[in-house]
Amino acid sequence: MSKIYWDKGHGGDDPGAVANGLQEKNLTHKIVEYAMVYLEANYTGFEQRVTRTGDQTLTLSQRADMANAWGADVFVSVHINAGKGTGFESYVHPNASPQSIALQNVLHGEILSAMRGFEAIIDRGKKRANYAVLRETRMPAVLTENLFIDSNDAKLLKNEAFLKAVGEAHARGIAKFLGLPQKANSAPSQPQQKVSDGKLYRVQVGAFADRKNAERLAEELKKKGYDAIIV
């Protein structure tokens, strides 16, 4: 049984970034709630917990300590950026394990793809930073920065369908990383794709630290009529 720990960035006395009538703590709450609901509806073989269920105030160390004490298998901290930039980026610790990097790779791709179903979002890259929740956690850990609250990105952050899609993309990324079994009669939705311009595109549907998880996904795809190769 895989253990997933979600961290809703900021909360309580700490609203996080504030601009355009939005507060970061409220946006991270919504994104994580959508992610958790999506996992429960579409996958099995896991347990999940969250650092705050409502609008509680927590220190960074408290967040990491809760995940460590539970023995979580993955930790994902969800945030909204500020600084009048634009686009999506994700972070692991400078001394990140191969498993953290693998989790970052699959999450980054899933989230960016979902965002681009709404608009041509800029990919700001897969980055590294000495953030406390990445430094103090003892399991694969990633922090996501989902657009900028104080720029034109705010129009998307005010779109509930966009927040839902971003949350569900976080969930799919974790499910793929952990190789979670899909529930019977469940078909997790994928981001809307634009009409083809005649070019041929390759789609990567997973990246795993454990080859057995890759082989399991490949077999599932083949059963559904898709060609699948492991690289």
C-alpha atoms as a PDB file:
ATOM      1  CA  MET A   1       0.000   0.000   0.000  1.00  0.00           C
ATOM      2  CA  SER A   2       1.627   3.234  -1.172  1.00  0.00           C
ATOM      3  CA  LYS A   3       1.497   6.285   1.111  1.00  0.00           C
ATOM      4  CA  ILE A   4       1.018   9.713  -0.470  1.00  0.00           C
ATOM      5  CA  TYR A   5       1.464  12.931   1.498  1.00  0.00           C
ATOM      6  CA  TRP A   6       0.100  16.175   0.081  1.00  0.00           C
ATOM      7  CA  ASP A   7       1.190  19.608   1.274  1.00  0.00           C
ATOM      8  CA  LYS A   8      -1.117  22.557   0.637  1.00  0.00           C
ATOM      9  CA  GLY A   9       1.300  25.476   0.570  1.00  0.00           C
ATOM     10  CA  HIS A  10       0.835  28.168   3.262  1.00  0.00           C
ATOM     11  CA  GLY A  11      -2.404  28.429   5.286  1.00  0.00           C
ATOM     12  CA  GLY A  12      -3.863  30.047   8.401  1.00  0.00           C
ATOM     13  CA  ASP A  13      -1.915  33.141   9.419  1.00  0.00           C
ATOM     14  CA  ASP A  14       0.240  32.777   6.288  1.00  0.00           C
ATOM     15  CA  PRO A  15      -1.812  33.466   3.129  1.00  0.00           C
ATOM     16  CA  GLY A  16       1.200  33.081   0.841  1.00  0.00           C
ATOM     17  CA  ALA A  17       1.267  35.285  -2.227  1.00  0.00           C
ATOM     18  CA  VAL A  18      -1.700  37.647  -2.592  1.00  0.00           C
ATOM     19  CA  ALA A  19      -2.743  39.528  -5.757  1.00  0.00           C
ATOM     20  CA  ASN A  20      -5.620  40.038  -8.180  1.00  0.00           C
ATOM     21  CA  GLY A  21      -8.187  39.145  -5.526  1.00  0.00           C
ATOM     22  CA  LEU A  22      -6.542  35.750  -4.958  1.00  0.00           C
ATOM     23  CA  GLN A  23      -4.689  34.163  -2.033  1.00  0.00           C
ATOM     24  CA  GLU A  24      -2.161  31.408  -2.579  1.00  0.00           C
ATOM     25  CA  LYS A  25      -3.364  29.372   0.411  1.00  0.00           C
ATOM     26  CA  ASN A  26      -6.867  29.089  -1.074  1.00  0.00           C
ATOM     27  CA  LEU A  27      -5.616  28.052  -4.502  1.00  0.00           C
ATOM     28  CA  THR A  28      -3.296  25.365  -3.135  1.00  0.00           C
ATOM     29  CA  HIS A  29      -6.169  24.040  -1.019  1.00  0.00           C
ATOM     30  CA  LYS A  30      -8.375  23.670  -4.098  1.00  0.00           C
ATOM     31  CA  ILE A  31      -5.688  22.050  -6.264  1.00  0.00           C
ATOM     32  CA  VAL A  32      -4.833  19.432  -3.636  1.00  0.00           C
ATOM     33  CA  GLU A  33      -8.492  18.687  -2.894  1.00  0.00           C
ATOM     34  CA  TYR A  34      -9.119  18.055  -6.597  1.00  0.00           C
ATOM     35  CA  ALA A  35      -6.051  15.805  -6.704  1.00  0.00           C
ATOM     36  CA  MET A  36      -7.130  13.742  -3.709  1.00  0.00           C
ATOM     37  CA  VAL A  37     -10.681  13.277  -4.978  1.00  0.00           C
ATOM     38  CA  TYR A  38      -9.362  12.207  -8.387  1.00  0.00           C
ATOM     39  CA  LEU A  39      -7.032   9.603  -6.888  1.00  0.00           C
ATOM     40  CA  GLU A  40      -9.822   8.115  -4.778  1.00  0.00           C
ATOM     41  CA  ALA A  41     -12.139   7.918  -7.770  1.00  0.00           C
ATOM     42  CA  ASN A  42      -9.704   6.335 -10.214  1.00  0.00           C
ATOM     43  CA  TYR A  43      -6.993   4.321  -8.434  1.00  0.00           C
ATOM     44  CA  THR A  44      -6.440   1.730  -5.724  1.00  0.00           C
ATOM     45  CA  GLY A  45      -3.484   0.533  -3.686  1.00  0.00           C
ATOM     46  CA  PHE A  46      -2.729   3.723  -1.798  1.00  0.00           C
ATOM     47  CA  GLU A  47      -3.428   5.829   1.263  1.00  0.00           C
ATOM     48  CA  GLN A  48      -3.199   9.601   1.251  1.00  0.00           C
ATOM     49  CA  ARG A  49      -2.928  12.316   3.852  1.00  0.00           C
ATOM     50  CA  VAL A  50      -2.621  16.074   3.757  1.00  0.00           C
ATOM     51  CA  THR A  51      -0.720  18.543   5.910  1.00  0.00           C
ATOM     52  CA  ARG A  52      -3.787  20.704   6.489  1.00  0.00           C
ATOM     53  CA  THR A  53      -7.427  19.852   5.909  1.00  0.00           C
ATOM     54  CA  GLY A  54      -8.625  23.456   6.248  1.00  0.00           C
ATOM     55  CA  ASP A  55      -6.994  26.796   6.933  1.00  0.00           C
ATOM     56  CA  GLN A  56      -4.534  25.782   9.644  1.00  0.00           C
ATOM     57  CA  THR A  57      -1.187  27.458  10.337  1.00  0.00           C
ATOM     58  CA  LEU A  58       1.778  25.062  10.088  1.00  0.00           C
ATOM     59  CA  THR A  59       5.527  25.537  10.071  1.00  0.00           C
ATOM     60  CA  LEU A  60       7.604  24.081   7.264  1.00  0.00           C
ATOM     61  CA  SER A  61       9.236  21.626   9.658  1.00  0.00           C
ATOM     62  CA  GLN A  62       5.854  20.471  10.929  1.00  0.00           C
ATOM     63  CA  ARG A  63       4.846  19.598   7.376  1.00  0.00           C
ATOM     64  CA  ALA A  64       7.968  17.514   6.784  1.00  0.00           C
ATOM     65  CA  ASP A  65       7.752  15.901  10.234  1.00  0.00           C
ATOM     66  CA  MET A  66       4.196  14.689   9.609  1.00  0.00           C
ATOM     67  CA  ALA A  67       5.191  13.014   6.354  1.00  0.00           C
ATOM     68  CA  ASN A  68       8.285  11.454   7.914  1.00  0.00           C
ATOM     69  CA  ALA A  69       6.400  10.163  10.961  1.00  0.00           C
ATOM     70  CA  TRP A  70       3.807   8.485   8.750  1.00  0.00           C
ATOM     71  CA  GLY A  71       6.462   6.898   6.539  1.00  0.00           C
ATOM     72  CA  ALA A  72       5.129   8.423   3.338  1.00  0.00           C
ATOM     73  CA  ASP A  73       6.376   7.095  -0.004  1.00  0.00           C
ATOM     74  CA  VAL A  74       6.018  10.438  -1.797  1.00  0.00           C
ATOM     75  CA  PHE A  75       5.594  14.066  -0.735  1.00  0.00           C
ATOM     76  CA  VAL A  76       4.246  16.775  -3.031  1.00  0.00           C
ATOM     77  CA  SER A  77       4.039  20.427  -1.951  1.00  0.00           C
ATOM     78  CA  VAL A  78       1.746  22.603  -4.081  1.00  0.00           C
ATOM     79  CA  HIS A  79       2.358  26.346  -4.459  1.00  0.00           C
ATOM     80  CA  ILE A  80       1.514  29.373  -6.619  1.00  0.00           C
ATOM     81  CA  ASN A  81       4.341  31.614  -7.792  1.00  0.00           C
ATOM     82  CA  ALA A  82       4.761  35.399  -7.489  1.00  0.00           C
ATOM     83  CA  GLY A  83       7.125  37.993  -8.941  1.00  0.00           C
ATOM     84  CA  LYS A  84       5.158  39.050 -12.033  1.00  0.00           C
ATOM     85  CA  GLY A  85       6.514  36.219 -14.165  1.00  0.00           C
ATOM     86  CA  THR A  86       4.599  33.593 -16.099  1.00  0.00           C
ATOM     87  CA  GLY A  87       4.564  29.837 -16.483  1.00  0.00           C
ATOM     88  CA  PHE A  88       5.052  26.603 -14.566  1.00  0.00           C
ATOM     89  CA  GLU A  89       8.100  25.211 -12.776  1.00  0.00           C
ATOM     90  CA  SER A  90       8.888  22.407 -10.349  1.00  0.00           C
ATOM     91  CA  TYR A  91      11.590  21.842  -7.749  1.00  0.00           C
ATOM     92  CA  VAL A  92      13.567  19.091  -6.063  1.00  0.00           C
ATOM     93  CA  HIS A  93      16.329  19.500  -3.478  1.00  0.00           C
ATOM     94  CA  PRO A  94      19.889  20.167  -4.776  1.00  0.00           C
ATOM     95  CA  ASN A  95      20.885  16.740  -3.388  1.00  0.00           C
ATOM     96  CA  ALA A  96      17.741  15.048  -4.654  1.00  0.00           C
ATOM     97  CA  SER A  97      17.639  11.263  -4.893  1.00  0.00           C
ATOM     98  CA  PRO A  98      17.111   9.571  -8.280  1.00  0.00           C
ATOM     99  CA  GLN A  99      13.587   8.763  -7.085  1.00  0.00           C
ATOM    100  CA  SER A 100      12.827  12.444  -6.420  1.00  0.00           C
ATOM    101  CA  ILE A 101      14.112  13.339  -9.879  1.00  0.00           C
ATOM    102  CA  ALA A 102      11.960  10.606 -11.439  1.00  0.00           C
ATOM    103  CA  LEU A 103       8.912  11.906  -9.561  1.00  0.00           C
ATOM    104  CA  GLN A 104       9.677  15.445 -10.710  1.00  0.00           C
ATOM    105  CA  ASN A 105       9.975  14.303 -14.326  1.00  0.00           C
ATOM    106  CA  VAL A 106       6.601  12.600 -14.442  1.00  0.00           C
ATOM    107  CA  LEU A 107       4.780  15.283 -12.431  1.00  0.00           C
ATOM    108  CA  HIS A 108       6.256  18.115 -14.474  1.00  0.00           C
ATOM    109  CA  GLY A 109       5.165  16.552 -17.746  1.00  0.00           C
ATOM    110  CA  GLU A 110       1.645  15.736 -16.576  1.00  0.00           C
ATOM    111  CA  ILE A 111       0.986  19.168 -15.095  1.00  0.00           C
ATOM    112  CA  LEU A 112       2.419  21.141 -17.994  1.00  0.00           C
ATOM    113  CA  SER A 113       0.404  19.072 -20.467  1.00  0.00           C
ATOM    114  CA  ALA A 114      -2.810  19.737 -18.529  1.00  0.00           C
ATOM    115  CA  MET A 115      -2.109  23.462 -18.372  1.00  0.00           C
ATOM    116  CA  ARG A 116      -1.442  23.610 -22.094  1.00  0.00           C
ATOM    117  CA  GLY A 117      -4.926  22.255 -22.703  1.00  0.00           C
ATOM    118  CA  PHE A 118      -6.066  25.766 -21.734  1.00  0.00           C
ATOM    119  CA  GLU A 119      -3.288  28.035 -22.995  1.00  0.00           C
ATOM    120  CA  ALA A 120       0.280  28.004 -24.332  1.00  0.00           C
ATOM    121  CA  ILE A 121       1.923  27.949 -20.909  1.00  0.00           C
ATOM    122  CA  ILE A 122       5.651  28.661 -20.629  1.00  0.00           C
ATOM    123  CA  ASP A 123       7.763  25.831 -19.223  1.00  0.00           C
ATOM    124  CA  ARG A 124      10.099  27.497 -16.715  1.00  0.00           C
ATOM    125  CA  GLY A 125      11.887  24.219 -16.158  1.00  0.00           C
ATOM    126  CA  LYS A 126      12.716  21.519 -13.651  1.00  0.00           C
ATOM    127  CA  LYS A 127      14.735  23.256 -10.962  1.00  0.00           C
ATOM    128  CA  ARG A 128      16.490  22.633  -7.653  1.00  0.00           C
ATOM    129  CA  ALA A 129      16.270  24.620  -4.428  1.00  0.00           C
ATOM    130  CA  ASN A 130      17.088  24.146  -0.760  1.00  0.00           C
ATOM    131  CA  TYR A 131      13.471  24.456   0.386  1.00  0.00           C
ATOM    132  CA  ALA A 132      12.780  23.136   3.880  1.00  0.00           C
ATOM    133  CA  VAL A 133      10.020  20.744   2.840  1.00  0.00           C
ATOM    134  CA  LEU A 134      12.373  19.209   0.262  1.00  0.00           C
ATOM    135  CA  ARG A 135      15.392  19.192   2.559  1.00  0.00           C
ATOM    136  CA  GLU A 136      13.702  17.760   5.642  1.00  0.00           C
ATOM    137  CA  THR A 137      11.506  15.060   4.092  1.00  0.00           C
ATOM    138  CA  ARG A 138      12.917  11.529   3.883  1.00  0.00           C
ATOM    139  CA  MET A 139      11.057  10.329   0.817  1.00  0.00           C
ATOM    140  CA  PRO A 140      10.875  11.379  -2.869  1.00  0.00           C
ATOM    141  CA  ALA A 141       9.693  14.995  -2.665  1.00  0.00           C
ATOM    142  CA  VAL A 142       8.713  17.621  -5.240  1.00  0.00           C
ATOM    143  CA  LEU A 143       7.425  21.190  -4.946  1.00  0.00           C
ATOM    144  CA  THR A 144       5.329  22.628  -7.769  1.00  0.00           C
ATOM    145  CA  GLU A 145       4.867  26.337  -8.605  1.00  0.00           C
ATOM    146  CA  ASN A 146       1.635  26.566 -10.571  1.00  0.00           C
ATOM    147  CA  LEU A 147       1.703  29.869 -12.492  1.00  0.00           C
ATOM    148  CA  PHE A 148       1.982  33.416 -11.092  1.00  0.00           C
ATOM    149  CA  ILE A 149      -0.686  35.008  -8.934  1.00  0.00           C
ATOM    150  CA  ASP A 150       0.460  38.575  -9.713  1.00  0.00           C
ATOM    151  CA  SER A 151       0.585  38.486 -13.503  1.00  0.00           C
ATOM    152  CA  ASN A 152      -1.711  37.732 -16.429  1.00  0.00           C
ATOM    153  CA  ASP A 153      -1.600  34.093 -15.270  1.00  0.00           C
ATOM    154  CA  ALA A 154      -4.193  35.094 -12.667  1.00  0.00           C
ATOM    155  CA  LYS A 155      -6.981  34.758 -15.209  1.00  0.00           C
ATOM    156  CA  LEU A 156      -6.322  31.004 -15.335  1.00  0.00           C
ATOM    157  CA  LEU A 157      -6.011  30.763 -11.555  1.00  0.00           C
ATOM    158  CA  LYS A 158      -9.541  32.229 -11.359  1.00  0.00           C
ATOM    159  CA  ASN A 159     -10.823  29.440 -13.635  1.00  0.00           C
ATOM    160  CA  GLU A 160     -12.152  26.543 -11.541  1.00  0.00           C
ATOM    161  CA  ALA A 161     -11.867  24.129 -14.464  1.00  0.00           C
ATOM    162  CA  PHE A 162      -8.186  24.999 -14.762  1.00  0.00           C
ATOM    163  CA  LEU A 163      -7.545  24.392 -11.048  1.00  0.00           C
ATOM    164  CA  LYS A 164      -9.359  21.053 -11.310  1.00  0.00           C
ATOM    165  CA  ALA A 165      -7.279  20.016 -14.317  1.00  0.00           C
ATOM    166  CA  VAL A 166      -4.051  20.962 -12.540  1.00  0.00           C
ATOM    167  CA  GLY A 167      -5.055  19.015  -9.436  1.00  0.00           C
ATOM    168  CA  GLU A 168      -5.949  15.948 -11.477  1.00  0.00           C
ATOM    169  CA  ALA A 169      -2.633  16.182 -13.328  1.00  0.00           C
ATOM    170  CA  HIS A 170      -0.785  16.105  -9.984  1.00  0.00           C
ATOM    171  CA  ALA A 171      -2.759  12.977  -9.128  1.00  0.00           C
ATOM    172  CA  ARG A 172      -2.019  11.242 -12.444  1.00  0.00           C
ATOM    173  CA  GLY A 173       1.666  12.009 -12.090  1.00  0.00           C
ATOM    174  CA  ILE A 174       1.860  10.411  -8.656  1.00  0.00           C
ATOM    175  CA  ALA A 175      -0.219   7.426  -9.798  1.00  0.00           C
ATOM    176  CA  LYS A 176       2.144   6.826 -12.707  1.00  0.00           C
ATOM    177  CA  PHE A 177       5.242   7.204 -10.550  1.00  0.00           C
ATOM    178  CA  LEU A 178       3.933   4.702  -7.994  1.00  0.00           C
ATOM    179  CA  GLY A 179       2.383   2.406 -10.581  1.00  0.00           C
ATOM    180  CA  LEU A 180      -1.004   2.535  -8.857  1.00  0.00           C
ATOM    181  CA  PRO A 181      -3.603   0.093 -10.213  1.00  0.00           C
ATOM    182  CA  GLN A 182      -6.492   1.752 -11.982  1.00  0.00           C
ATOM    183  CA  LYS A 183      -9.973   1.007 -10.682  1.00  0.00           C
ATOM    184  CA  ALA A 184     -12.196  -1.199 -12.818  1.00  0.00           C
ATOM    185  CA  ASN A 185     -14.399   0.750 -15.233  1.00  0.00           C
ATOM    186  CA  SER A 186     -12.364   3.867 -14.543  1.00  0.00           C
ATOM    187  CA  ALA A 187     -10.908   5.993 -17.320  1.00  0.00           C
ATOM    188  CA  PRO A 188      -8.899   8.904 -15.896  1.00  0.00           C
ATOM    189  CA  SER A 189      -9.444  11.951 -18.063  1.00  0.00           C
ATOM    190  CA  GLN A 190      -6.568  13.395 -20.026  1.00  0.00           C
ATOM    191  CA  PRO A 191      -5.971  17.033 -20.952  1.00  0.00           C
ATOM    192  CA  GLN A 192      -7.731  18.229 -24.086  1.00  0.00           C
ATOM    193  CA  GLN A 193      -5.492  18.121 -27.139  1.00  0.00           C
ATOM    194  CA  LYS A 194      -5.503  20.521 -30.037  1.00  0.00           C
ATOM    195  CA  VAL A 195      -6.315  19.348 -33.552  1.00  0.00           C
ATOM    196  CA  SER A 196      -3.289  17.864 -35.308  1.00  0.00           C
ATOM    197  CA  ASP A 197      -1.518  19.950 -37.935  1.00  0.00           C
ATOM    198  CA  GLY A 198      -0.407  16.842 -39.824  1.00  0.00           C
ATOM    199  CA  LYS A 199       2.815  16.356 -37.896  1.00  0.00           C
ATOM    200  CA  LEU A 200       3.532  13.198 -35.916  1.00  0.00           C
ATOM    201  CA  TYR A 201       3.894  13.551 -32.145  1.00  0.00           C
ATOM    202  CA  ARG A 202       5.234  11.059 -29.637  1.00  0.00           C
ATOM    203  CA  VAL A 203       3.484  10.847 -26.259  1.00  0.00           C
ATOM    204  CA  GLN A 204       5.251   9.668 -23.095  1.00  0.00           C
ATOM    205  CA  VAL A 205       2.773   8.262 -20.596  1.00  0.00           C
ATOM    206  CA  GLY A 206       5.052   7.378 -17.706  1.00  0.00           C
ATOM    207  CA  ALA A 207       8.476   7.556 -16.114  1.00  0.00           C
ATOM    208  CA  PHE A 208       9.368   5.139 -13.346  1.00  0.00           C
ATOM    209  CA  ALA A 209      12.267   4.404 -11.054  1.00  0.00           C
ATOM    210  CA  ASP A 210      11.194   0.729 -10.933  1.00  0.00           C
ATOM    211  CA  ARG A 211      11.137  -1.132 -14.266  1.00  0.00           C
ATOM    212  CA  LYS A 212       8.361  -3.422 -13.031  1.00  0.00           C
ATOM    213  CA  ASN A 213       6.024  -0.433 -12.829  1.00  0.00           C
ATOM    214  CA  ALA A 214       6.943   0.522 -16.391  1.00  0.00           C
ATOM    215  CA  GLU A 215       6.242  -3.025 -17.591  1.00  0.00           C
ATOM    216  CA  ARG A 216       2.883  -3.035 -15.798  1.00  0.00           C
ATOM    217  CA  LEU A 217       1.791   0.191 -17.507  1.00  0.00           C
ATOM    218  CA  ALA A 218       3.000  -1.053 -20.906  1.00  0.00           C
ATOM    219  CA  GLU A 219       0.892  -4.203 -20.521  1.00  0.00           C
ATOM    220  CA  GLU A 220      -2.167  -2.137 -19.582  1.00  0.00           C
ATOM    221  CA  LEU A 221      -1.715   0.030 -22.667  1.00  0.00           C
ATOM    222  CA  LYS A 222      -1.339  -2.998 -24.944  1.00  0.00           C
ATOM    223  CA  LYS A 223      -4.561  -4.491 -23.561  1.00  0.00           C
ATOM    224  CA  LYS A 224      -6.313  -1.255 -24.543  1.00  0.00           C
ATOM    225  CA  GLY A 225      -4.982  -1.467 -28.111  1.00  0.00           C
ATOM    226  CA  TYR A 226      -2.055   0.969 -27.867  1.00  0.00           C
ATOM    227  CA  ASP A 227       1.466   0.242 -29.024  1.00  0.00           C
ATOM    228  CA  ALA A 228       3.812   0.571 -26.067  1.00  0.00           C
ATOM    229  CA  ILE A 229       7.580   0.458 -25.765  1.00  0.00           C
ATOM    230  CA  ILE A 230       9.884   0.830 -22.760  1.00  0.00           C
ATOM    231  CA  VAL A 231      12.929   3.048 -23.311  1.00  0.00           C
END
